[in-house]
């Protein structure tokens, strides 16, 4: 087994229902590659040598044909399929009525067999900026606790509709106190509102940070994810629509086992695509950001 000092885990198993297709493999006009490939390039520059990509089996063939050949040959790349049936045997009946993936917590859990060292966890359709990978890589040179890079929620909204974000509370020492998934976050009359886990619309602080699923984790997280997933399946009898969110499980680890999660303020802008109508605008920003990076050997092969 090859030893790695730092792994990148890319969660690319979502269905992209609001986008209307497989946004994980949607190419950026002008760059000839996906957002995920830009993130992988930034991760490699920060010291990542292994990439574990959690995908939906529906995109595997296209992924292997178009994206894999463009990735650095030096990388140890592992493709993992997030299957609805990948659940404990005692809950197998729940999979018969399930049509959507189980969520980001389950997606990360699927990567467990291949991760044996500190890792950066991201989602495939978000661009976080090169500095965020450098921040977490530097963190793990000196620390063994988990970490995250937080982005101001007010800077991650969409003009096309509401967004879902893990809203964070940070203590004076820079550690995460609480992270709660809020749905359908929008700005109304210069105030942020979102639906809490109880379905209630609440005001969100204007300077609140969102997790944006940029985490620094160690293999210990898989212990929490396994036990938490069984509890999730026990508590949700039909298992048809509810999702097992990663931020919820990190919050439980903080509260129940005093797990420390260092929080770093993002130094780069975040760009993401929730709706297909956003692709053109985001593509323009990313093209401007990466155009001319001819000296970066890990930039997408068609980008120059």
C-alpha atoms as a PDB file:
ATOM      1  CA  UNK A   1       0.000   0.000   0.000  1.00  0.00           C
ATOM      2  CA  UNK A   2       1.394   3.365  -1.028  1.00  0.00           C
ATOM      3  CA  UNK A   3       1.938   5.775   1.854  1.00  0.00           C
ATOM      4  CA  UNK A   4       0.597   9.305   1.457  1.00  0.00           C
ATOM      5  CA  UNK A   5       1.091  12.318   3.699  1.00  0.00           C
ATOM      6  CA  UNK A   6      -2.055  14.071   2.473  1.00  0.00           C
ATOM      7  CA  UNK A   7      -5.120  12.868   0.550  1.00  0.00           C
ATOM      8  CA  UNK A   8      -7.854  14.770  -1.273  1.00  0.00           C
ATOM      9  CA  UNK A   9     -11.366  13.326  -1.055  1.00  0.00           C
ATOM     10  CA  UNK A  10     -13.772  14.688  -3.664  1.00  0.00           C
ATOM     11  CA  UNK A  11     -17.484  14.151  -3.036  1.00  0.00           C
ATOM     12  CA  UNK A  12     -19.026  13.885  -6.507  1.00  0.00           C
ATOM     13  CA  UNK A  13     -21.919  11.499  -5.941  1.00  0.00           C
ATOM     14  CA  UNK A  14     -24.832  13.981  -5.898  1.00  0.00           C
ATOM     15  CA  UNK A  15     -27.501  13.994  -8.572  1.00  0.00           C
ATOM     16  CA  UNK A  16     -27.491  17.753  -9.229  1.00  0.00           C
ATOM     17  CA  UNK A  17     -31.291  17.964  -9.291  1.00  0.00           C
ATOM     18  CA  UNK A  18     -31.439  21.780  -9.214  1.00  0.00           C
ATOM     19  CA  UNK A  19     -28.713  21.963 -11.844  1.00  0.00           C
ATOM     20  CA  UNK A  20     -30.625  19.600 -14.104  1.00  0.00           C
ATOM     21  CA  UNK A  21     -27.792  17.153 -14.789  1.00  0.00           C
ATOM     22  CA  UNK A  22     -24.382  15.897 -13.756  1.00  0.00           C
ATOM     23  CA  UNK A  23     -22.763  19.198 -12.797  1.00  0.00           C
ATOM     24  CA  UNK A  24     -19.735  17.359 -11.404  1.00  0.00           C
ATOM     25  CA  UNK A  25     -18.575  16.667 -14.968  1.00  0.00           C
ATOM     26  CA  UNK A  26     -19.833  19.868 -16.618  1.00  0.00           C
ATOM     27  CA  UNK A  27     -16.881  21.544 -18.350  1.00  0.00           C
ATOM     28  CA  UNK A  28     -15.993  25.207 -17.856  1.00  0.00           C
ATOM     29  CA  UNK A  29     -16.274  27.027 -21.192  1.00  0.00           C
ATOM     30  CA  UNK A  30     -12.881  28.310 -22.268  1.00  0.00           C
ATOM     31  CA  UNK A  31     -10.905  26.050 -19.919  1.00  0.00           C
ATOM     32  CA  UNK A  32     -11.873  22.658 -21.268  1.00  0.00           C
ATOM     33  CA  UNK A  33     -12.106  21.041 -17.849  1.00  0.00           C
ATOM     34  CA  UNK A  34     -14.337  20.797 -14.807  1.00  0.00           C
ATOM     35  CA  UNK A  35     -14.319  22.726 -11.531  1.00  0.00           C
ATOM     36  CA  UNK A  36     -13.174  19.501  -9.873  1.00  0.00           C
ATOM     37  CA  UNK A  37     -10.053  19.376 -12.040  1.00  0.00           C
ATOM     38  CA  UNK A  38      -9.102  22.908 -11.026  1.00  0.00           C
ATOM     39  CA  UNK A  39      -9.456  21.905  -7.371  1.00  0.00           C
ATOM     40  CA  UNK A  40      -7.367  18.785  -7.896  1.00  0.00           C
ATOM     41  CA  UNK A  41      -4.651  20.909  -9.520  1.00  0.00           C
ATOM     42  CA  UNK A  42      -4.639  23.268  -6.522  1.00  0.00           C
ATOM     43  CA  UNK A  43      -4.515  20.302  -4.135  1.00  0.00           C
ATOM     44  CA  UNK A  44      -1.552  18.749  -5.950  1.00  0.00           C
ATOM     45  CA  UNK A  45       0.326  22.053  -5.737  1.00  0.00           C
ATOM     46  CA  UNK A  46      -0.329  22.037  -1.975  1.00  0.00           C
ATOM     47  CA  UNK A  47       1.210  18.575  -1.561  1.00  0.00           C
ATOM     48  CA  UNK A  48      -1.617  16.085  -2.152  1.00  0.00           C
ATOM     49  CA  UNK A  49      -0.448  12.808  -3.722  1.00  0.00           C
ATOM     50  CA  UNK A  50      -3.635  10.711  -3.506  1.00  0.00           C
ATOM     51  CA  UNK A  51      -7.128  11.631  -4.716  1.00  0.00           C
ATOM     52  CA  UNK A  52     -10.191   9.582  -3.740  1.00  0.00           C
ATOM     53  CA  UNK A  53     -13.225  10.569  -5.819  1.00  0.00           C
ATOM     54  CA  UNK A  54     -16.666   9.417  -4.669  1.00  0.00           C
ATOM     55  CA  UNK A  55     -18.960   9.255  -7.696  1.00  0.00           C
ATOM     56  CA  UNK A  56     -22.389   8.095  -8.792  1.00  0.00           C
ATOM     57  CA  UNK A  57     -22.027   5.010 -10.981  1.00  0.00           C
ATOM     58  CA  UNK A  58     -24.070   6.730 -13.704  1.00  0.00           C
ATOM     59  CA  UNK A  59     -21.126   9.002 -14.525  1.00  0.00           C
ATOM     60  CA  UNK A  60     -18.314   6.475 -14.175  1.00  0.00           C
ATOM     61  CA  UNK A  61     -17.922   5.657 -17.883  1.00  0.00           C
ATOM     62  CA  UNK A  62     -17.856   9.311 -18.941  1.00  0.00           C
ATOM     63  CA  UNK A  63     -15.591  10.185 -16.035  1.00  0.00           C
ATOM     64  CA  UNK A  64     -13.058   7.530 -16.976  1.00  0.00           C
ATOM     65  CA  UNK A  65     -13.167   8.506 -20.647  1.00  0.00           C
ATOM     66  CA  UNK A  66     -12.903  12.293 -20.350  1.00  0.00           C
ATOM     67  CA  UNK A  67     -11.613  13.396 -16.950  1.00  0.00           C
ATOM     68  CA  UNK A  68      -9.164  10.717 -15.800  1.00  0.00           C
ATOM     69  CA  UNK A  69      -6.880  11.110 -18.844  1.00  0.00           C
ATOM     70  CA  UNK A  70      -6.477  14.816 -18.030  1.00  0.00           C
ATOM     71  CA  UNK A  71      -5.345  14.317 -14.420  1.00  0.00           C
ATOM     72  CA  UNK A  72      -1.643  14.274 -13.439  1.00  0.00           C
ATOM     73  CA  UNK A  73      -0.134  10.840 -14.089  1.00  0.00           C
ATOM     74  CA  UNK A  74       1.789  11.040 -10.813  1.00  0.00           C
ATOM     75  CA  UNK A  75      -1.401  10.965  -8.753  1.00  0.00           C
ATOM     76  CA  UNK A  76      -2.722   7.872  -6.990  1.00  0.00           C
ATOM     77  CA  UNK A  77      -6.386   8.119  -8.055  1.00  0.00           C
ATOM     78  CA  UNK A  78      -9.172   5.986  -6.596  1.00  0.00           C
ATOM     79  CA  UNK A  79     -12.767   6.033  -7.879  1.00  0.00           C
ATOM     80  CA  UNK A  80     -15.406   4.960  -5.358  1.00  0.00           C
ATOM     81  CA  UNK A  81     -19.080   4.518  -6.234  1.00  0.00           C
ATOM     82  CA  UNK A  82     -21.602   5.837  -3.722  1.00  0.00           C
ATOM     83  CA  UNK A  83     -24.317   3.201  -3.913  1.00  0.00           C
ATOM     84  CA  UNK A  84     -27.740   3.498  -2.296  1.00  0.00           C
ATOM     85  CA  UNK A  85     -27.333  -0.151  -1.284  1.00  0.00           C
ATOM     86  CA  UNK A  86     -24.061   0.551   0.582  1.00  0.00           C
ATOM     87  CA  UNK A  87     -25.661   0.434   4.023  1.00  0.00           C
ATOM     88  CA  UNK A  88     -25.582  -1.993   6.968  1.00  0.00           C
ATOM     89  CA  UNK A  89     -27.343  -5.268   6.138  1.00  0.00           C
ATOM     90  CA  UNK A  90     -29.987  -4.832   8.826  1.00  0.00           C
ATOM     91  CA  UNK A  91     -31.256  -1.712   7.011  1.00  0.00           C
ATOM     92  CA  UNK A  92     -31.135  -3.126   3.476  1.00  0.00           C
ATOM     93  CA  UNK A  93     -34.904  -2.850   3.059  1.00  0.00           C
ATOM     94  CA  UNK A  94     -34.627   0.955   3.200  1.00  0.00           C
ATOM     95  CA  UNK A  95     -32.602   0.940  -0.002  1.00  0.00           C
ATOM     96  CA  UNK A  96     -35.507  -0.507  -1.990  1.00  0.00           C
ATOM     97  CA  UNK A  97     -37.495   2.743  -1.770  1.00  0.00           C
ATOM     98  CA  UNK A  98     -34.570   5.166  -1.914  1.00  0.00           C
ATOM     99  CA  UNK A  99     -33.957   7.075  -5.168  1.00  0.00           C
ATOM    100  CA  UNK A 100     -31.353   9.692  -4.178  1.00  0.00           C
ATOM    101  CA  UNK A 101     -27.917   9.314  -2.537  1.00  0.00           C
ATOM    102  CA  UNK A 102     -27.815   9.184   1.262  1.00  0.00           C
ATOM    103  CA  UNK A 103     -25.961  12.486   1.590  1.00  0.00           C
ATOM    104  CA  UNK A 104     -22.468  13.875   2.166  1.00  0.00           C
ATOM    105  CA  UNK A 105     -21.863  11.973   5.417  1.00  0.00           C
ATOM    106  CA  UNK A 106     -22.498   8.674   3.653  1.00  0.00           C
ATOM    107  CA  UNK A 107     -20.423   9.770   0.642  1.00  0.00           C
ATOM    108  CA  UNK A 108     -17.378  10.376   2.846  1.00  0.00           C
ATOM    109  CA  UNK A 109     -17.951   7.083   4.642  1.00  0.00           C
ATOM    110  CA  UNK A 110     -17.682   5.287   1.280  1.00  0.00           C
ATOM    111  CA  UNK A 111     -14.066   6.481   1.060  1.00  0.00           C
ATOM    112  CA  UNK A 112     -13.045   4.834   4.346  1.00  0.00           C
ATOM    113  CA  UNK A 113     -11.176   1.789   2.927  1.00  0.00           C
ATOM    114  CA  UNK A 114      -8.787   4.010   0.982  1.00  0.00           C
ATOM    115  CA  UNK A 115      -7.912   6.788   3.457  1.00  0.00           C
ATOM    116  CA  UNK A 116      -5.144   6.149   6.004  1.00  0.00           C
ATOM    117  CA  UNK A 117      -3.756   9.633   6.627  1.00  0.00           C
ATOM    118  CA  UNK A 118      -4.931  13.254   7.029  1.00  0.00           C
ATOM    119  CA  UNK A 119      -7.183  14.358   4.200  1.00  0.00           C
ATOM    120  CA  UNK A 120      -8.879  17.374   2.693  1.00  0.00           C
ATOM    121  CA  UNK A 121     -12.567  16.869   1.900  1.00  0.00           C
ATOM    122  CA  UNK A 122     -14.301  18.942  -0.793  1.00  0.00           C
ATOM    123  CA  UNK A 123     -17.313  18.753  -3.074  1.00  0.00           C
ATOM    124  CA  UNK A 124     -16.794  18.430  -6.821  1.00  0.00           C
ATOM    125  CA  UNK A 125     -18.863  21.409  -7.931  1.00  0.00           C
ATOM    126  CA  UNK A 126     -17.326  24.060  -5.646  1.00  0.00           C
ATOM    127  CA  UNK A 127     -14.143  26.018  -6.351  1.00  0.00           C
ATOM    128  CA  UNK A 128     -12.410  27.047  -3.139  1.00  0.00           C
ATOM    129  CA  UNK A 129      -9.246  28.824  -4.258  1.00  0.00           C
ATOM    130  CA  UNK A 130      -5.647  27.594  -4.129  1.00  0.00           C
ATOM    131  CA  UNK A 131      -4.918  29.229  -0.773  1.00  0.00           C
ATOM    132  CA  UNK A 132      -7.504  27.075   1.031  1.00  0.00           C
ATOM    133  CA  UNK A 133      -5.615  23.890   0.143  1.00  0.00           C
ATOM    134  CA  UNK A 134      -2.367  25.499   1.261  1.00  0.00           C
ATOM    135  CA  UNK A 135      -3.961  26.471   4.584  1.00  0.00           C
ATOM    136  CA  UNK A 136      -5.064  22.931   5.436  1.00  0.00           C
ATOM    137  CA  UNK A 137      -1.826  21.390   4.174  1.00  0.00           C
ATOM    138  CA  UNK A 138       0.094  23.716   6.499  1.00  0.00           C
ATOM    139  CA  UNK A 139      -2.318  22.929   9.347  1.00  0.00           C
ATOM    140  CA  UNK A 140      -1.554  19.212   9.185  1.00  0.00           C
ATOM    141  CA  UNK A 141       2.183  19.859   9.296  1.00  0.00           C
ATOM    142  CA  UNK A 142       1.763  21.071  12.868  1.00  0.00           C
ATOM    143  CA  UNK A 143      -1.576  19.696  14.133  1.00  0.00           C
ATOM    144  CA  UNK A 144      -3.509  16.445  14.307  1.00  0.00           C
ATOM    145  CA  UNK A 145      -6.969  17.843  15.046  1.00  0.00           C
ATOM    146  CA  UNK A 146      -9.556  18.387  12.349  1.00  0.00           C
ATOM    147  CA  UNK A 147      -9.907  21.723  10.576  1.00  0.00           C
ATOM    148  CA  UNK A 148     -12.054  23.649   8.150  1.00  0.00           C
ATOM    149  CA  UNK A 149     -11.869  26.681   5.913  1.00  0.00           C
ATOM    150  CA  UNK A 150     -14.959  28.856   6.349  1.00  0.00           C
ATOM    151  CA  UNK A 151     -16.413  31.260   3.804  1.00  0.00           C
ATOM    152  CA  UNK A 152     -18.700  34.220   4.595  1.00  0.00           C
ATOM    153  CA  UNK A 153     -22.185  32.974   3.760  1.00  0.00           C
ATOM    154  CA  UNK A 154     -23.177  36.367   2.387  1.00  0.00           C
ATOM    155  CA  UNK A 155     -20.570  35.860  -0.355  1.00  0.00           C
ATOM    156  CA  UNK A 156     -21.876  32.419  -1.356  1.00  0.00           C
ATOM    157  CA  UNK A 157     -25.493  33.203  -2.210  1.00  0.00           C
ATOM    158  CA  UNK A 158     -27.177  32.634  -5.558  1.00  0.00           C
ATOM    159  CA  UNK A 159     -29.389  35.051  -7.473  1.00  0.00           C
ATOM    160  CA  UNK A 160     -31.208  32.059  -8.921  1.00  0.00           C
ATOM    161  CA  UNK A 161     -32.658  30.741  -5.664  1.00  0.00           C
ATOM    162  CA  UNK A 162     -32.001  29.560  -2.118  1.00  0.00           C
ATOM    163  CA  UNK A 163     -28.854  27.677  -1.122  1.00  0.00           C
ATOM    164  CA  UNK A 164     -28.018  25.148   1.595  1.00  0.00           C
ATOM    165  CA  UNK A 165     -25.138  25.912   3.946  1.00  0.00           C
ATOM    166  CA  UNK A 166     -23.636  24.600   7.168  1.00  0.00           C
ATOM    167  CA  UNK A 167     -23.789  27.684   9.415  1.00  0.00           C
ATOM    168  CA  UNK A 168     -20.838  27.847  11.825  1.00  0.00           C
ATOM    169  CA  UNK A 169     -20.218  29.351  15.247  1.00  0.00           C
ATOM    170  CA  UNK A 170     -16.574  29.860  16.241  1.00  0.00           C
ATOM    171  CA  UNK A 171     -15.109  30.476  19.717  1.00  0.00           C
ATOM    172  CA  UNK A 172     -12.520  33.125  20.610  1.00  0.00           C
ATOM    173  CA  UNK A 173      -9.669  30.623  20.199  1.00  0.00           C
ATOM    174  CA  UNK A 174     -10.674  29.922  16.611  1.00  0.00           C
ATOM    175  CA  UNK A 175     -12.292  26.526  17.136  1.00  0.00           C
ATOM    176  CA  UNK A 176     -15.653  25.396  15.834  1.00  0.00           C
ATOM    177  CA  UNK A 177     -18.430  25.354  18.415  1.00  0.00           C
ATOM    178  CA  UNK A 178     -21.379  24.496  16.288  1.00  0.00           C
ATOM    179  CA  UNK A 179     -22.298  23.790  12.670  1.00  0.00           C
ATOM    180  CA  UNK A 180     -25.920  23.397  11.605  1.00  0.00           C
ATOM    181  CA  UNK A 181     -27.255  22.783   8.113  1.00  0.00           C
ATOM    182  CA  UNK A 182     -29.642  25.541   7.023  1.00  0.00           C
ATOM    183  CA  UNK A 183     -31.694  25.151   3.864  1.00  0.00           C
ATOM    184  CA  UNK A 184     -32.964  27.649   1.309  1.00  0.00           C
ATOM    185  CA  UNK A 185     -30.803  30.551   2.514  1.00  0.00           C
ATOM    186  CA  UNK A 186     -31.676  33.854   0.845  1.00  0.00           C
ATOM    187  CA  UNK A 187     -31.208  37.568   1.404  1.00  0.00           C
ATOM    188  CA  UNK A 188     -34.388  39.554   2.009  1.00  0.00           C
ATOM    189  CA  UNK A 189     -34.256  43.295   2.728  1.00  0.00           C
ATOM    190  CA  UNK A 190     -30.515  43.090   3.486  1.00  0.00           C
ATOM    191  CA  UNK A 191     -31.065  40.285   5.996  1.00  0.00           C
ATOM    192  CA  UNK A 192     -30.088  36.629   5.617  1.00  0.00           C
ATOM    193  CA  UNK A 193     -32.764  34.008   6.281  1.00  0.00           C
ATOM    194  CA  UNK A 194     -32.690  30.224   6.124  1.00  0.00           C
ATOM    195  CA  UNK A 195     -34.655  27.194   7.289  1.00  0.00           C
ATOM    196  CA  UNK A 196     -33.202  25.436  10.325  1.00  0.00           C
ATOM    197  CA  UNK A 197     -33.353  21.622  10.756  1.00  0.00           C
ATOM    198  CA  UNK A 198     -36.853  21.979  12.226  1.00  0.00           C
ATOM    199  CA  UNK A 199     -38.098  23.684   9.076  1.00  0.00           C
ATOM    200  CA  UNK A 200     -38.385  27.082  10.767  1.00  0.00           C
ATOM    201  CA  UNK A 201     -37.202  30.183   8.914  1.00  0.00           C
ATOM    202  CA  UNK A 202     -34.580  31.998  11.008  1.00  0.00           C
ATOM    203  CA  UNK A 203     -32.350  35.024  10.637  1.00  0.00           C
ATOM    204  CA  UNK A 204     -28.664  34.284  10.022  1.00  0.00           C
ATOM    205  CA  UNK A 205     -25.913  36.682  11.176  1.00  0.00           C
ATOM    206  CA  UNK A 206     -24.515  38.793   8.361  1.00  0.00           C
ATOM    207  CA  UNK A 207     -20.932  37.802   9.238  1.00  0.00           C
ATOM    208  CA  UNK A 208     -21.659  34.092   9.676  1.00  0.00           C
ATOM    209  CA  UNK A 209     -19.255  31.598   8.137  1.00  0.00           C
ATOM    210  CA  UNK A 210     -20.414  28.654   6.086  1.00  0.00           C
ATOM    211  CA  UNK A 211     -18.579  25.335   6.073  1.00  0.00           C
ATOM    212  CA  UNK A 212     -18.900  24.957   2.267  1.00  0.00           C
ATOM    213  CA  UNK A 213     -17.693  21.376   2.803  1.00  0.00           C
ATOM    214  CA  UNK A 214     -13.990  22.219   2.905  1.00  0.00           C
ATOM    215  CA  UNK A 215     -12.757  20.045   5.755  1.00  0.00           C
ATOM    216  CA  UNK A 216      -9.455  18.761   7.031  1.00  0.00           C
ATOM    217  CA  UNK A 217     -10.043  15.348   8.610  1.00  0.00           C
ATOM    218  CA  UNK A 218      -8.163  12.332   9.941  1.00  0.00           C
ATOM    219  CA  UNK A 219      -9.167   8.654   9.616  1.00  0.00           C
ATOM    220  CA  UNK A 220     -10.721   8.833  13.070  1.00  0.00           C
ATOM    221  CA  UNK A 221     -13.760  10.537  11.532  1.00  0.00           C
ATOM    222  CA  UNK A 222     -14.890   7.260  10.002  1.00  0.00           C
ATOM    223  CA  UNK A 223     -15.632   5.843  13.458  1.00  0.00           C
ATOM    224  CA  UNK A 224     -18.092   8.679  14.059  1.00  0.00           C
ATOM    225  CA  UNK A 225     -19.600   8.344  10.600  1.00  0.00           C
ATOM    226  CA  UNK A 226     -20.251   4.611  10.944  1.00  0.00           C
ATOM    227  CA  UNK A 227     -21.998   4.844  14.309  1.00  0.00           C
ATOM    228  CA  UNK A 228     -23.833   7.990  13.288  1.00  0.00           C
ATOM    229  CA  UNK A 229     -25.117   6.466  10.063  1.00  0.00           C
ATOM    230  CA  UNK A 230     -26.634   3.514  11.910  1.00  0.00           C
ATOM    231  CA  UNK A 231     -28.354   5.933  14.297  1.00  0.00           C
ATOM    232  CA  UNK A 232     -29.602   7.949  11.323  1.00  0.00           C
ATOM    233  CA  UNK A 233     -31.127   4.863   9.713  1.00  0.00           C
ATOM    234  CA  UNK A 234     -32.718   3.818  13.009  1.00  0.00           C
ATOM    235  CA  UNK A 235     -34.319   7.238  13.477  1.00  0.00           C
ATOM    236  CA  UNK A 236     -35.629   7.635   9.931  1.00  0.00           C
ATOM    237  CA  UNK A 237     -37.817   4.633   9.352  1.00  0.00           C
ATOM    238  CA  UNK A 238     -38.753   5.215   5.725  1.00  0.00           C
ATOM    239  CA  UNK A 239     -35.329   6.527   4.670  1.00  0.00           C
ATOM    240  CA  UNK A 240     -36.801   7.895   1.447  1.00  0.00           C
ATOM    241  CA  UNK A 241     -35.807  11.564   1.409  1.00  0.00           C
ATOM    242  CA  UNK A 242     -33.796  12.603   4.469  1.00  0.00           C
ATOM    243  CA  UNK A 243     -30.033  12.952   4.045  1.00  0.00           C
ATOM    244  CA  UNK A 244     -27.112  12.095   6.293  1.00  0.00           C
ATOM    245  CA  UNK A 245     -25.241  15.418   6.362  1.00  0.00           C
ATOM    246  CA  UNK A 246     -21.519  15.566   7.105  1.00  0.00           C
ATOM    247  CA  UNK A 247     -21.728  18.901   9.020  1.00  0.00           C
ATOM    248  CA  UNK A 248     -24.268  17.348  11.407  1.00  0.00           C
ATOM    249  CA  UNK A 249     -21.878  14.520  12.248  1.00  0.00           C
ATOM    250  CA  UNK A 250     -18.960  16.861  12.813  1.00  0.00           C
ATOM    251  CA  UNK A 251     -21.142  18.851  15.175  1.00  0.00           C
ATOM    252  CA  UNK A 252     -21.985  15.678  17.120  1.00  0.00           C
ATOM    253  CA  UNK A 253     -18.303  14.788  17.372  1.00  0.00           C
ATOM    254  CA  UNK A 254     -17.561  18.240  18.786  1.00  0.00           C
ATOM    255  CA  UNK A 255     -20.332  18.074  21.387  1.00  0.00           C
ATOM    256  CA  UNK A 256     -20.201  14.406  22.392  1.00  0.00           C
ATOM    257  CA  UNK A 257     -16.486  13.626  22.278  1.00  0.00           C
ATOM    258  CA  UNK A 258     -14.910  17.083  22.535  1.00  0.00           C
ATOM    259  CA  UNK A 259     -13.334  16.741  19.103  1.00  0.00           C
ATOM    260  CA  UNK A 260     -11.456  19.939  18.163  1.00  0.00           C
ATOM    261  CA  UNK A 261     -11.958  21.555  14.761  1.00  0.00           C
ATOM    262  CA  UNK A 262      -9.744  24.539  13.944  1.00  0.00           C
ATOM    263  CA  UNK A 263     -11.421  27.189  11.789  1.00  0.00           C
ATOM    264  CA  UNK A 264      -9.532  29.235   9.215  1.00  0.00           C
ATOM    265  CA  UNK A 265     -11.009  32.228   7.401  1.00  0.00           C
ATOM    266  CA  UNK A 266     -10.881  31.780   3.637  1.00  0.00           C
ATOM    267  CA  UNK A 267      -8.349  33.948   1.833  1.00  0.00           C
ATOM    268  CA  UNK A 268      -9.823  33.270  -1.602  1.00  0.00           C
ATOM    269  CA  UNK A 269     -13.255  33.751  -3.115  1.00  0.00           C
ATOM    270  CA  UNK A 270     -15.564  30.752  -3.378  1.00  0.00           C
ATOM    271  CA  UNK A 271     -17.306  29.910  -6.634  1.00  0.00           C
ATOM    272  CA  UNK A 272     -20.015  27.300  -6.934  1.00  0.00           C
ATOM    273  CA  UNK A 273     -22.731  26.187  -9.290  1.00  0.00           C
ATOM    274  CA  UNK A 274     -26.116  25.231  -7.893  1.00  0.00           C
ATOM    275  CA  UNK A 275     -28.241  26.118 -10.917  1.00  0.00           C
ATOM    276  CA  UNK A 276     -27.317  25.625 -14.584  1.00  0.00           C
ATOM    277  CA  UNK A 277     -28.027  29.307 -15.242  1.00  0.00           C
ATOM    278  CA  UNK A 278     -25.054  30.149 -12.976  1.00  0.00           C
ATOM    279  CA  UNK A 279     -22.544  28.177 -15.042  1.00  0.00           C
ATOM    280  CA  UNK A 280     -21.794  30.965 -17.521  1.00  0.00           C
ATOM    281  CA  UNK A 281     -21.078  33.561 -14.827  1.00  0.00           C
ATOM    282  CA  UNK A 282     -18.949  31.202 -12.733  1.00  0.00           C
ATOM    283  CA  UNK A 283     -17.122  30.014 -15.842  1.00  0.00           C
ATOM    284  CA  UNK A 284     -16.196  33.585 -16.714  1.00  0.00           C
ATOM    285  CA  UNK A 285     -14.797  34.178 -13.214  1.00  0.00           C
ATOM    286  CA  UNK A 286     -12.783  30.974 -13.261  1.00  0.00           C
ATOM    287  CA  UNK A 287     -11.475  31.651 -16.746  1.00  0.00           C
ATOM    288  CA  UNK A 288     -10.281  35.094 -15.641  1.00  0.00           C
ATOM    289  CA  UNK A 289      -8.701  33.561 -12.542  1.00  0.00           C
ATOM    290  CA  UNK A 290      -6.834  30.792 -14.348  1.00  0.00           C
ATOM    291  CA  UNK A 291      -6.166  32.301 -17.768  1.00  0.00           C
ATOM    292  CA  UNK A 292      -2.452  32.619 -18.283  1.00  0.00           C
ATOM    293  CA  UNK A 293      -1.420  30.022 -15.692  1.00  0.00           C
ATOM    294  CA  UNK A 294       0.843  28.484 -18.324  1.00  0.00           C
ATOM    295  CA  UNK A 295       3.600  27.812 -15.818  1.00  0.00           C
ATOM    296  CA  UNK A 296       1.363  25.577 -13.712  1.00  0.00           C
ATOM    297  CA  UNK A 297       1.916  22.072 -15.040  1.00  0.00           C
ATOM    298  CA  UNK A 298      -1.128  20.791 -13.170  1.00  0.00           C
ATOM    299  CA  UNK A 299      -3.637  23.213 -14.703  1.00  0.00           C
ATOM    300  CA  UNK A 300      -6.186  21.506 -16.967  1.00  0.00           C
ATOM    301  CA  UNK A 301      -4.518  20.363 -20.162  1.00  0.00           C
ATOM    302  CA  UNK A 302      -6.904  22.299 -22.379  1.00  0.00           C
ATOM    303  CA  UNK A 303      -6.827  25.488 -20.323  1.00  0.00           C
ATOM    304  CA  UNK A 304      -3.853  27.147 -21.888  1.00  0.00           C
END
